[in-house]
PDB file of all heavy atoms in Angstrom:
ATOM      1  N   ILE A   1     -22.884  86.114 133.807  1.00  0.00           N
ATOM      2  CA  ILE A   1     -22.341  84.852 134.312  1.00  0.00           C
ATOM      3  C   ILE A   1     -23.330  84.291 135.335  1.00  0.00           C
ATOM      4  O   ILE A   1     -23.679  84.959 136.301  1.00  0.00           O
ATOM      5  CB  ILE A   1     -20.960  85.059 134.959  1.00  0.00           C
ATOM      6  CG1 ILE A   1     -19.995  85.707 133.955  1.00  0.00           C
ATOM      7  CG2 ILE A   1     -20.405  83.741 135.459  1.00  0.00           C
ATOM      8  CD1 ILE A   1     -18.662  86.115 134.561  1.00  0.00           C
ATOM      9  N   HIS A   2     -23.775  83.065 135.111  1.00  0.00           N
ATOM     10  CA  HIS A   2     -24.837  82.472 135.928  1.00  0.00           C
ATOM     11  C   HIS A   2     -24.366  81.156 136.560  1.00  0.00           C
ATOM     12  O   HIS A   2     -24.661  80.071 136.046  1.00  0.00           O
ATOM     13  CB  HIS A   2     -26.078  82.221 135.066  1.00  0.00           C
ATOM     14  CG  HIS A   2     -26.580  83.437 134.353  1.00  0.00           C
ATOM     15  ND1 HIS A   2     -27.515  84.286 134.901  1.00  0.00           N
ATOM     16  CD2 HIS A   2     -26.264  83.943 133.134  1.00  0.00           C
ATOM     17  CE1 HIS A   2     -27.773  85.271 134.035  1.00  0.00           C
ATOM     18  NE2 HIS A   2     -27.019  85.081 132.967  1.00  0.00           N
ATOM     19  N   PRO A   3     -23.640  81.215 137.667  1.00  0.00           N
ATOM     20  CA  PRO A   3     -23.172  79.981 138.327  1.00  0.00           C
ATOM     21  C   PRO A   3     -24.280  79.322 139.132  1.00  0.00           C
ATOM     22  O   PRO A   3     -25.243  79.977 139.561  1.00  0.00           O
ATOM     23  CB  PRO A   3     -22.054  80.489 139.239  1.00  0.00           C
ATOM     24  CG  PRO A   3     -22.482  81.886 139.582  1.00  0.00           C
ATOM     25  CD  PRO A   3     -23.175  82.425 138.356  1.00  0.00           C
ATOM     26  N   ILE A   4     -24.167  78.041 139.322  1.00  0.00           N
ATOM     27  CA  ILE A   4     -25.043  77.343 140.262  1.00  0.00           C
ATOM     28  C   ILE A   4     -24.624  77.755 141.675  1.00  0.00           C
ATOM     29  O   ILE A   4     -23.438  77.735 141.996  1.00  0.00           O
ATOM     30  CB  ILE A   4     -24.914  75.814 140.090  1.00  0.00           C
ATOM     31  CG1 ILE A   4     -25.528  75.385 138.749  1.00  0.00           C
ATOM     32  CG2 ILE A   4     -25.581  75.068 141.244  1.00  0.00           C
ATOM     33  CD1 ILE A   4     -25.322  73.930 138.411  1.00  0.00           C
ATOM     34  N   PRO A   5     -25.565  78.163 142.526  1.00  0.00           N
ATOM     35  CA  PRO A   5     -25.192  78.601 143.876  1.00  0.00           C
ATOM     36  C   PRO A   5     -24.659  77.441 144.708  1.00  0.00           C
ATOM     37  O   PRO A   5     -25.304  76.397 144.816  1.00  0.00           O
ATOM     38  CB  PRO A   5     -26.504  79.140 144.449  1.00  0.00           C
ATOM     39  CG  PRO A   5     -27.585  78.442 143.680  1.00  0.00           C
ATOM     40  CD  PRO A   5     -27.018  78.234 142.301  1.00  0.00           C
ATOM     41  N   THR A   6     -23.493  77.622 145.282  1.00  0.00           N
ATOM     42  CA  THR A   6     -22.897  76.565 146.110  1.00  0.00           C
ATOM     43  C   THR A   6     -22.925  76.912 147.598  1.00  0.00           C
ATOM     44  O   THR A   6     -22.345  76.185 148.410  1.00  0.00           O
ATOM     45  CB  THR A   6     -21.448  76.301 145.672  1.00  0.00           C
ATOM     46  OG1 THR A   6     -20.672  77.498 145.809  1.00  0.00           O
ATOM     47  CG2 THR A   6     -21.393  75.828 144.224  1.00  0.00           C
ATOM     48  N   ASP A   7     -23.596  77.992 147.939  1.00  0.00           N
ATOM     49  CA  ASP A   7     -23.739  78.356 149.353  1.00  0.00           C
ATOM     50  C   ASP A   7     -25.055  77.860 149.927  1.00  0.00           C
ATOM     51  O   ASP A   7     -25.437  78.233 151.040  1.00  0.00           O
ATOM     52  CB  ASP A   7     -23.629  79.871 149.524  1.00  0.00           C
ATOM     53  CG  ASP A   7     -24.693  80.632 148.730  1.00  0.00           C
ATOM     54  OD1 ASP A   7     -25.380  80.013 147.878  1.00  0.00           O
ATOM     55  OD2 ASP A   7     -24.825  81.856 148.946  1.00  0.00           O
ATOM     56  N   ALA A   8     -25.763  77.014 149.181  1.00  0.00           N
ATOM     57  CA  ALA A   8     -27.043  76.489 149.634  1.00  0.00           C
ATOM     58  C   ALA A   8     -26.834  75.447 150.734  1.00  0.00           C
ATOM     59  O   ALA A   8     -25.768  74.837 150.856  1.00  0.00           O
ATOM     60  CB  ALA A   8     -27.791  75.866 148.466  1.00  0.00           C
ATOM     61  N   ALA A   9     -27.875  75.218 151.498  1.00  0.00           N
ATOM     62  CA  ALA A   9     -27.794  74.267 152.602  1.00  0.00           C
ATOM     63  C   ALA A   9     -27.802  72.820 152.118  1.00  0.00           C
ATOM     64  O   ALA A   9     -27.364  71.921 152.846  1.00  0.00           O
ATOM     65  CB  ALA A   9     -28.954  74.497 153.567  1.00  0.00           C
ATOM     66  N   SER A  10     -28.299  72.588 150.899  1.00  0.00           N
ATOM     67  CA  SER A  10     -28.388  71.222 150.389  1.00  0.00           C
ATOM     68  C   SER A  10     -28.369  71.252 148.858  1.00  0.00           C
ATOM     69  O   SER A  10     -28.627  72.299 148.245  1.00  0.00           O
ATOM     70  CB  SER A  10     -29.692  70.564 150.855  1.00  0.00           C
ATOM     71  OG  SER A  10     -30.806  71.192 150.222  1.00  0.00           O
ATOM     72  N   PRO A  11     -28.068  70.112 148.219  1.00  0.00           N
ATOM     73  CA  PRO A  11     -28.124  70.069 146.755  1.00  0.00           C
ATOM     74  C   PRO A  11     -29.514  70.422 146.213  1.00  0.00           C
ATOM     75  O   PRO A  11     -29.623  71.096 145.179  1.00  0.00           O
ATOM     76  CB  PRO A  11     -27.751  68.618 146.434  1.00  0.00           C
ATOM     77  CG  PRO A  11     -26.953  68.153 147.599  1.00  0.00           C
ATOM     78  CD  PRO A  11     -27.545  68.849 148.781  1.00  0.00           C
ATOM     79  N   ASP A  12     -30.561  69.972 146.896  1.00  0.00           N
ATOM     80  CA  ASP A  12     -31.922  70.262 146.425  1.00  0.00           C
ATOM     81  C   ASP A  12     -32.229  71.750 146.473  1.00  0.00           C
ATOM     82  O   ASP A  12     -32.883  72.292 145.563  1.00  0.00           O
ATOM     83  CB  ASP A  12     -32.950  69.495 147.254  1.00  0.00           C
ATOM     84  CG  ASP A  12     -32.972  68.008 146.931  1.00  0.00           C
ATOM     85  OD1 ASP A  12     -32.430  67.627 145.871  1.00  0.00           O
ATOM     86  OD2 ASP A  12     -33.518  67.232 147.737  1.00  0.00           O
ATOM     87  N   GLU A  13     -31.751  72.426 147.527  1.00  0.00           N
ATOM     88  CA  GLU A  13     -31.978  73.872 147.616  1.00  0.00           C
ATOM     89  C   GLU A  13     -31.235  74.599 146.497  1.00  0.00           C
ATOM     90  O   GLU A  13     -31.785  75.507 145.858  1.00  0.00           O
ATOM     91  CB  GLU A  13     -31.513  74.412 148.968  1.00  0.00           C
ATOM     92  CG  GLU A  13     -31.716  75.924 149.105  1.00  0.00           C
ATOM     93  CD  GLU A  13     -31.077  76.495 150.367  1.00  0.00           C
ATOM     94  OE1 GLU A  13     -31.162  75.828 151.418  1.00  0.00           O
ATOM     95  OE2 GLU A  13     -30.488  77.602 150.279  1.00  0.00           O
ATOM     96  N   ALA A  14     -30.004  74.205 146.250  1.00  0.00           N
ATOM     97  CA  ALA A  14     -29.237  74.814 145.159  1.00  0.00           C
ATOM     98  C   ALA A  14     -29.913  74.570 143.822  1.00  0.00           C
ATOM     99  O   ALA A  14     -29.971  75.465 142.964  1.00  0.00           O
ATOM    100  CB  ALA A  14     -27.816  74.252 145.145  1.00  0.00           C
ATOM    101  N   ALA A  15     -30.436  73.358 143.632  1.00  0.00           N
ATOM    102  CA  ALA A  15     -31.119  73.025 142.380  1.00  0.00           C
ATOM    103  C   ALA A  15     -32.350  73.894 142.187  1.00  0.00           C
ATOM    104  O   ALA A  15     -32.606  74.399 141.078  1.00  0.00           O
ATOM    105  CB  ALA A  15     -31.505  71.550 142.382  1.00  0.00           C
ATOM    106  N   GLU A  16     -33.108  74.087 143.234  1.00  0.00           N
ATOM    107  CA  GLU A  16     -34.320  74.898 143.124  1.00  0.00           C
ATOM    108  C   GLU A  16     -33.973  76.351 142.814  1.00  0.00           C
ATOM    109  O   GLU A  16     -34.632  76.993 141.994  1.00  0.00           O
ATOM    110  CB  GLU A  16     -35.125  74.807 144.425  1.00  0.00           C
ATOM    111  CG  GLU A  16     -36.383  75.656 144.448  1.00  0.00           C
ATOM    112  CD  GLU A  16     -37.347  75.353 143.299  1.00  0.00           C
ATOM    113  OE1 GLU A  16     -37.431  74.179 142.891  1.00  0.00           O
ATOM    114  OE2 GLU A  16     -38.007  76.296 142.818  1.00  0.00           O
ATOM    115  N   ARG A  17     -32.950  76.869 143.441  1.00  0.00           N
ATOM    116  CA  ARG A  17     -32.547  78.250 143.178  1.00  0.00           C
ATOM    117  C   ARG A  17     -32.088  78.428 141.734  1.00  0.00           C
ATOM    118  O   ARG A  17     -32.415  79.423 141.071  1.00  0.00           O
ATOM    119  CB  ARG A  17     -31.446  78.665 144.159  1.00  0.00           C
ATOM    120  CG  ARG A  17     -31.959  78.937 145.570  1.00  0.00           C
ATOM    121  CD  ARG A  17     -30.832  79.045 146.586  1.00  0.00           C
ATOM    122  NE  ARG A  17     -29.870  80.090 146.268  1.00  0.00           N
ATOM    123  CZ  ARG A  17     -28.774  80.327 146.992  1.00  0.00           C
ATOM    124  NH1 ARG A  17     -28.526  79.590 148.066  1.00  0.00           N
ATOM    125  NH2 ARG A  17     -27.939  81.287 146.651  1.00  0.00           N
ATOM    126  N   TYR A  18     -31.326  77.449 141.223  1.00  0.00           N
ATOM    127  CA  TYR A  18     -30.843  77.568 139.844  1.00  0.00           C
ATOM    128  C   TYR A  18     -31.989  77.388 138.854  1.00  0.00           C
ATOM    129  O   TYR A  18     -32.023  78.054 137.817  1.00  0.00           O
ATOM    130  CB  TYR A  18     -29.746  76.552 139.575  1.00  0.00           C
ATOM    131  CG  TYR A  18     -28.806  76.967 138.453  1.00  0.00           C
ATOM    132  CD1 TYR A  18     -28.202  78.217 138.458  1.00  0.00           C
ATOM    133  CD2 TYR A  18     -28.511  76.103 137.397  1.00  0.00           C
ATOM    134  CE1 TYR A  18     -27.331  78.602 137.443  1.00  0.00           C
ATOM    135  CE2 TYR A  18     -27.638  76.473 136.384  1.00  0.00           C
ATOM    136  CZ  TYR A  18     -27.056  77.721 136.414  1.00  0.00           C
ATOM    137  OH  TYR A  18     -26.189  78.106 135.407  1.00  0.00           O
ATOM    138  N   ALA A  19     -32.930  76.527 139.174  1.00  0.00           N
ATOM    139  CA  ALA A  19     -34.098  76.359 138.307  1.00  0.00           C
ATOM    140  C   ALA A  19     -34.871  77.664 138.198  1.00  0.00           C
ATOM    141  O   ALA A  19     -35.328  78.037 137.105  1.00  0.00           O
ATOM    142  CB  ALA A  19     -34.990  75.245 138.840  1.00  0.00           C
ATOM    143  N   ARG A  20     -35.020  78.374 139.299  1.00  0.00           N
ATOM    144  CA  ARG A  20     -35.711  79.661 139.260  1.00  0.00           C
ATOM    145  C   ARG A  20     -34.969  80.649 138.370  1.00  0.00           C
ATOM    146  O   ARG A  20     -35.598  81.412 137.605  1.00  0.00           O
ATOM    147  CB  ARG A  20     -35.868  80.234 140.674  1.00  0.00           C
ATOM    148  CG  ARG A  20     -36.889  79.493 141.530  1.00  0.00           C
ATOM    149  CD  ARG A  20     -37.337  80.341 142.710  1.00  0.00           C
ATOM    150  NE  ARG A  20     -36.255  80.670 143.617  1.00  0.00           N
ATOM    151  CZ  ARG A  20     -35.910  79.943 144.669  1.00  0.00           C
ATOM    152  NH1 ARG A  20     -36.579  78.834 144.968  1.00  0.00           N
ATOM    153  NH2 ARG A  20     -34.922  80.323 145.467  1.00  0.00           N
ATOM    154  N   GLU A  21     -33.638  80.643 138.452  1.00  0.00           N
ATOM    155  CA  GLU A  21     -32.862  81.555 137.610  1.00  0.00           C
ATOM    156  C   GLU A  21     -33.012  81.201 136.135  1.00  0.00           C
ATOM    157  O   GLU A  21     -33.164  82.094 135.285  1.00  0.00           O
ATOM    158  CB  GLU A  21     -31.394  81.533 138.014  1.00  0.00           C
ATOM    159  CG  GLU A  21     -30.532  82.510 137.214  1.00  0.00           C
ATOM    160  CD  GLU A  21     -29.176  82.762 137.839  1.00  0.00           C
ATOM    161  OE1 GLU A  21     -28.877  82.164 138.887  1.00  0.00           O
ATOM    162  OE2 GLU A  21     -28.414  83.566 137.272  1.00  0.00           O
ATOM    163  N   LEU A  22     -32.961  79.923 135.806  1.00  0.00           N
ATOM    164  CA  LEU A  22     -33.128  79.502 134.421  1.00  0.00           C
ATOM    165  C   LEU A  22     -34.513  79.869 133.882  1.00  0.00           C
ATOM    166  O   LEU A  22     -34.648  80.346 132.746  1.00  0.00           O
ATOM    167  CB  LEU A  22     -32.909  77.996 134.295  1.00  0.00           C
ATOM    168  CG  LEU A  22     -31.471  77.498 134.391  1.00  0.00           C
ATOM    169  CD1 LEU A  22     -31.448  75.977 134.535  1.00  0.00           C
ATOM    170  CD2 LEU A  22     -30.663  77.922 133.173  1.00  0.00           C
ATOM    171  N   LYS A  23     -35.531  79.641 134.675  1.00  0.00           N
ATOM    172  CA  LYS A  23     -36.896  79.962 134.240  1.00  0.00           C
ATOM    173  C   LYS A  23     -37.079  81.465 134.052  1.00  0.00           C
ATOM    174  O   LYS A  23     -37.769  81.905 133.118  1.00  0.00           O
ATOM    175  CB  LYS A  23     -37.905  79.417 135.251  1.00  0.00           C
ATOM    176  CG  LYS A  23     -37.985  77.897 135.261  1.00  0.00           C
ATOM    177  CD  LYS A  23     -38.922  77.389 136.351  1.00  0.00           C
ATOM    178  CE  LYS A  23     -38.965  75.864 136.369  1.00  0.00           C
ATOM    179  NZ  LYS A  23     -39.844  75.333 137.433  1.00  0.00           N
ATOM    180  N   SER A  24     -36.464  82.256 134.928  1.00  0.00           N
ATOM    181  CA  SER A  24     -36.533  83.710 134.782  1.00  0.00           C
ATOM    182  C   SER A  24     -35.851  84.146 133.494  1.00  0.00           C
ATOM    183  O   SER A  24     -36.364  85.002 132.755  1.00  0.00           O
ATOM    184  CB  SER A  24     -35.878  84.387 135.989  1.00  0.00           C
ATOM    185  OG  SER A  24     -35.841  85.792 135.827  1.00  0.00           O
ATOM    186  N   PHE A  25     -34.699  83.566 133.191  1.00  0.00           N
ATOM    187  CA  PHE A  25     -33.984  83.885 131.963  1.00  0.00           C
ATOM    188  C   PHE A  25     -34.795  83.469 130.742  1.00  0.00           C
ATOM    189  O   PHE A  25     -34.910  84.215 129.761  1.00  0.00           O
ATOM    190  CB  PHE A  25     -32.635  83.177 131.960  1.00  0.00           C
ATOM    191  CG  PHE A  25     -31.807  83.402 130.732  1.00  0.00           C
ATOM    192  CD1 PHE A  25     -31.008  84.531 130.605  1.00  0.00           C
ATOM    193  CD2 PHE A  25     -31.833  82.490 129.686  1.00  0.00           C
ATOM    194  CE1 PHE A  25     -30.240  84.745 129.457  1.00  0.00           C
ATOM    195  CE2 PHE A  25     -31.074  82.692 128.541  1.00  0.00           C
ATOM    196  CZ  PHE A  25     -30.282  83.819 128.422  1.00  0.00           C
ATOM    197  N   TYR A  26     -35.388  82.303 130.802  1.00  0.00           N
ATOM    198  CA  TYR A  26     -36.158  81.756 129.683  1.00  0.00           C
ATOM    199  C   TYR A  26     -37.499  82.464 129.507  1.00  0.00           C
ATOM    200  O   TYR A  26     -38.002  82.599 128.390  1.00  0.00           O
ATOM    201  CB  TYR A  26     -36.376  80.266 129.926  1.00  0.00           C
ATOM    202  CG  TYR A  26     -36.972  79.507 128.777  1.00  0.00           C
ATOM    203  CD1 TYR A  26     -36.295  79.349 127.575  1.00  0.00           C
ATOM    204  CD2 TYR A  26     -38.225  78.887 128.903  1.00  0.00           C
ATOM    205  CE1 TYR A  26     -36.833  78.628 126.520  1.00  0.00           C
ATOM    206  CE2 TYR A  26     -38.766  78.145 127.859  1.00  0.00           C
ATOM    207  CZ  TYR A  26     -38.072  78.019 126.676  1.00  0.00           C
ATOM    208  OH  TYR A  26     -38.605  77.290 125.632  1.00  0.00           O
ATOM    209  N   GLY A  27     -38.075  82.894 130.627  1.00  0.00           N
ATOM    210  CA  GLY A  27     -39.345  83.612 130.564  1.00  0.00           C
ATOM    211  C   GLY A  27     -40.561  82.723 130.549  1.00  0.00           C
ATOM    212  O   GLY A  27     -41.642  83.151 130.109  1.00  0.00           O
ATOM    213  N   ALA A  28     -40.423  81.477 131.008  1.00  0.00           N
ATOM    214  CA  ALA A  28     -41.552  80.550 131.035  1.00  0.00           C
ATOM    215  C   ALA A  28     -41.270  79.450 132.032  1.00  0.00           C
ATOM    216  O   ALA A  28     -40.125  79.200 132.417  1.00  0.00           O
ATOM    217  CB  ALA A  28     -41.808  79.965 129.649  1.00  0.00           C
TER     218      ALA A  28
END
């Protein structure tokens, strides 16, 4: 289960964290 983090300080920080998770899952 891969939720978007909602404990981030800002929407941009949450977006960056989720992008890293997606890229790690995708492998590129």
